[in-house]
C-alpha cells in the first residue's frame, strides 16, 4: 500500500508505466503537494524575515535612542549621534553574522 492509499483509486494497486508522456494521478498529486510545500515554505521564510527585520529595527531604535536622547527626546544635535549609533550597531551586527556563518560552514 503506497503513501497515496488514502486517495480513492490511487496507491493501492500495481504501478503501471505511462509511456504517453502524460503524468499519472500519483505524479499529479506529488507535484501539487511539492508545489504547496514550496509555497508554504516561501510564506514561512517571508514571515520569519519580516519578524527578524522588525526585531532588529526595534533593538537598534531602543539602544540608540537610550544612548543618544538626552531628555527622552531627540533634537537636531542628537541626530548625528543616532545616525552613528545605528551605523555602528548594524556594522557590528553584520560582522557577527558573517563570523557565525563562516563558523557554521566548517
C-alpha atoms as a PDB file:
ATOM      1  CA  UNK A   1       0.000   0.000   0.000  1.00  0.00           C
ATOM      2  CA  UNK A   2       1.511   3.336  -1.066  1.00  0.00           C
ATOM      3  CA  UNK A   3       1.542   6.704   0.628  1.00  0.00           C
ATOM      4  CA  UNK A   4      -1.361   7.756  -1.601  1.00  0.00           C
ATOM      5  CA  UNK A   5      -3.613   4.919  -0.438  1.00  0.00           C
ATOM      6  CA  UNK A   6      -5.972   7.347   1.278  1.00  0.00           C
ATOM      7  CA  UNK A   7      -6.969   8.725  -2.153  1.00  0.00           C
ATOM      8  CA  UNK A   8      -9.601   6.530  -3.823  1.00  0.00           C
ATOM      9  CA  UNK A   9      -8.180   4.797  -6.882  1.00  0.00           C
ATOM     10  CA  UNK A  10      -4.566   5.698  -6.102  1.00  0.00           C
ATOM     11  CA  UNK A  11      -1.701   3.984  -4.414  1.00  0.00           C
ATOM     12  CA  UNK A  12      -3.281   0.593  -3.764  1.00  0.00           C
ATOM     13  CA  UNK A  13      -2.636  -1.362  -6.910  1.00  0.00           C
ATOM     14  CA  UNK A  14       0.399  -2.208  -9.017  1.00  0.00           C
ATOM     15  CA  UNK A  15       2.073   0.695 -10.754  1.00  0.00           C
ATOM     16  CA  UNK A  16       1.693   0.917 -14.496  1.00  0.00           C
ATOM     17  CA  UNK A  17       4.293   2.637 -16.648  1.00  0.00           C
ATOM     18  CA  UNK A  18       2.839   5.542 -18.606  1.00  0.00           C
ATOM     19  CA  UNK A  19       4.554   5.882 -21.962  1.00  0.00           C
ATOM     20  CA  UNK A  20       2.182   8.525 -23.342  1.00  0.00           C
ATOM     21  CA  UNK A  21       4.130  11.384 -21.784  1.00  0.00           C
ATOM     22  CA  UNK A  22       1.240  12.377 -19.531  1.00  0.00           C
ATOM     23  CA  UNK A  23       1.524  12.376 -15.769  1.00  0.00           C
ATOM     24  CA  UNK A  24      -0.053   9.602 -13.743  1.00  0.00           C
ATOM     25  CA  UNK A  25      -2.500  10.577 -10.983  1.00  0.00           C
ATOM     26  CA  UNK A  26       0.206   9.870  -8.385  1.00  0.00           C
ATOM     27  CA  UNK A  27       2.601  12.206 -10.194  1.00  0.00           C
ATOM     28  CA  UNK A  28      -0.054  14.969 -10.314  1.00  0.00           C
ATOM     29  CA  UNK A  29      -0.652  14.643  -6.565  1.00  0.00           C
ATOM     30  CA  UNK A  30       3.082  14.539  -5.822  1.00  0.00           C
ATOM     31  CA  UNK A  31       3.703  17.611  -7.974  1.00  0.00           C
ATOM     32  CA  UNK A  32       0.807  19.526  -6.383  1.00  0.00           C
ATOM     33  CA  UNK A  33       1.965  18.532  -2.896  1.00  0.00           C
ATOM     34  CA  UNK A  34       5.511  19.682  -3.618  1.00  0.00           C
ATOM     35  CA  UNK A  35       4.217  22.934  -5.081  1.00  0.00           C
ATOM     36  CA  UNK A  36       2.090  23.579  -1.999  1.00  0.00           C
ATOM     37  CA  UNK A  37       5.000  22.726   0.287  1.00  0.00           C
ATOM     38  CA  UNK A  38       7.244  25.145  -1.619  1.00  0.00           C
ATOM     39  CA  UNK A  39       4.620  27.895  -1.331  1.00  0.00           C
ATOM     40  CA  UNK A  40       4.208  27.283   2.391  1.00  0.00           C
ATOM     41  CA  UNK A  41       7.970  27.344   2.849  1.00  0.00           C
ATOM     42  CA  UNK A  42       8.224  30.659   0.993  1.00  0.00           C
ATOM     43  CA  UNK A  43       5.426  32.190   3.096  1.00  0.00           C
ATOM     44  CA  UNK A  44       7.112  30.995   6.291  1.00  0.00           C
ATOM     45  CA  UNK A  45      10.504  32.346   5.178  1.00  0.00           C
ATOM     46  CA  UNK A  46       8.959  35.744   4.367  1.00  0.00           C
ATOM     47  CA  UNK A  47       7.240  35.888   7.749  1.00  0.00           C
ATOM     48  CA  UNK A  48      10.451  34.898   9.520  1.00  0.00           C
ATOM     49  CA  UNK A  49      12.477  37.509   7.614  1.00  0.00           C
ATOM     50  CA  UNK A  50       9.884  40.176   8.382  1.00  0.00           C
ATOM     51  CA  UNK A  51       9.913  39.344  12.095  1.00  0.00           C
ATOM     52  CA  UNK A  52      13.713  39.283  12.081  1.00  0.00           C
ATOM     53  CA  UNK A  53      13.935  42.734  10.466  1.00  0.00           C
ATOM     54  CA  UNK A  54      11.288  44.168  12.777  1.00  0.00           C
ATOM     55  CA  UNK A  55      13.145  42.833  15.807  1.00  0.00           C
ATOM     56  CA  UNK A  56      16.442  44.235  14.514  1.00  0.00           C
ATOM     57  CA  UNK A  57      14.930  47.657  13.833  1.00  0.00           C
ATOM     58  CA  UNK A  58      13.293  47.703  17.251  1.00  0.00           C
ATOM     59  CA  UNK A  59      16.543  46.753  19.004  1.00  0.00           C
ATOM     60  CA  UNK A  60      18.583  49.374  17.131  1.00  0.00           C
ATOM     61  CA  UNK A  61      15.964  52.029  17.798  1.00  0.00           C
ATOM     62  CA  UNK A  62      15.773  51.227  21.505  1.00  0.00           C
ATOM     63  CA  UNK A  63      19.521  51.062  22.058  1.00  0.00           C
ATOM     64  CA  UNK A  64      20.379  54.175  20.055  1.00  0.00           C
ATOM     65  CA  UNK A  65      17.501  56.206  21.444  1.00  0.00           C
ATOM     66  CA  UNK A  66      18.562  55.410  25.007  1.00  0.00           C
ATOM     67  CA  UNK A  67      22.166  56.274  24.172  1.00  0.00           C
ATOM     68  CA  UNK A  68      21.529  59.493  22.256  1.00  0.00           C
ATOM     69  CA  UNK A  69      18.352  61.047  23.653  1.00  0.00           C
ATOM     70  CA  UNK A  70      19.228  63.497  26.393  1.00  0.00           C
ATOM     71  CA  UNK A  71      15.789  64.361  27.777  1.00  0.00           C
ATOM     72  CA  UNK A  72      13.876  61.431  26.369  1.00  0.00           C
ATOM     73  CA  UNK A  73      13.523  63.367  23.121  1.00  0.00           C
ATOM     74  CA  UNK A  74      15.766  63.599  20.071  1.00  0.00           C
ATOM     75  CA  UNK A  75      16.620  67.072  18.860  1.00  0.00           C
ATOM     76  CA  UNK A  76      18.774  68.147  15.922  1.00  0.00           C
ATOM     77  CA  UNK A  77      22.027  67.853  17.889  1.00  0.00           C
ATOM     78  CA  UNK A  78      21.190  64.216  18.704  1.00  0.00           C
ATOM     79  CA  UNK A  79      20.614  63.214  15.079  1.00  0.00           C
ATOM     80  CA  UNK A  80      24.329  62.726  14.401  1.00  0.00           C
ATOM     81  CA  UNK A  81      24.693  60.537  17.470  1.00  0.00           C
ATOM     82  CA  UNK A  82      21.680  58.493  16.445  1.00  0.00           C
ATOM     83  CA  UNK A  83      22.922  58.014  12.874  1.00  0.00           C
ATOM     84  CA  UNK A  84      26.413  56.968  14.003  1.00  0.00           C
ATOM     85  CA  UNK A  85      24.965  54.636  16.652  1.00  0.00           C
ATOM     86  CA  UNK A  86      22.748  52.897  14.082  1.00  0.00           C
ATOM     87  CA  UNK A  87      25.640  52.591  11.622  1.00  0.00           C
ATOM     88  CA  UNK A  88      27.942  51.100  14.263  1.00  0.00           C
ATOM     89  CA  UNK A  89      25.284  48.700  15.511  1.00  0.00           C
ATOM     90  CA  UNK A  90      24.460  47.440  12.008  1.00  0.00           C
ATOM     91  CA  UNK A  91      28.148  47.143  11.047  1.00  0.00           C
ATOM     92  CA  UNK A  92      28.853  45.135  14.198  1.00  0.00           C
ATOM     93  CA  UNK A  93      25.771  43.010  13.629  1.00  0.00           C
ATOM     94  CA  UNK A  94      26.913  42.244  10.062  1.00  0.00           C
ATOM     95  CA  UNK A  95      30.418  41.315  11.265  1.00  0.00           C
ATOM     96  CA  UNK A  96      28.991  38.919  13.855  1.00  0.00           C
ATOM     97  CA  UNK A  97      26.602  37.424  11.267  1.00  0.00           C
ATOM     98  CA  UNK A  98      29.440  36.773   8.796  1.00  0.00           C
ATOM     99  CA  UNK A  99      31.645  35.287  11.514  1.00  0.00           C
ATOM    100  CA  UNK A 100      28.924  32.904  12.651  1.00  0.00           C
ATOM    101  CA  UNK A 101      28.128  31.967   9.066  1.00  0.00           C
ATOM    102  CA  UNK A 102      31.802  31.146   8.443  1.00  0.00           C
ATOM    103  CA  UNK A 103      31.987  29.034  11.596  1.00  0.00           C
ATOM    104  CA  UNK A 104      28.833  27.128  10.662  1.00  0.00           C
ATOM    105  CA  UNK A 105      30.341  26.160   7.305  1.00  0.00           C
ATOM    106  CA  UNK A 106      33.271  24.416   8.979  1.00  0.00           C
END
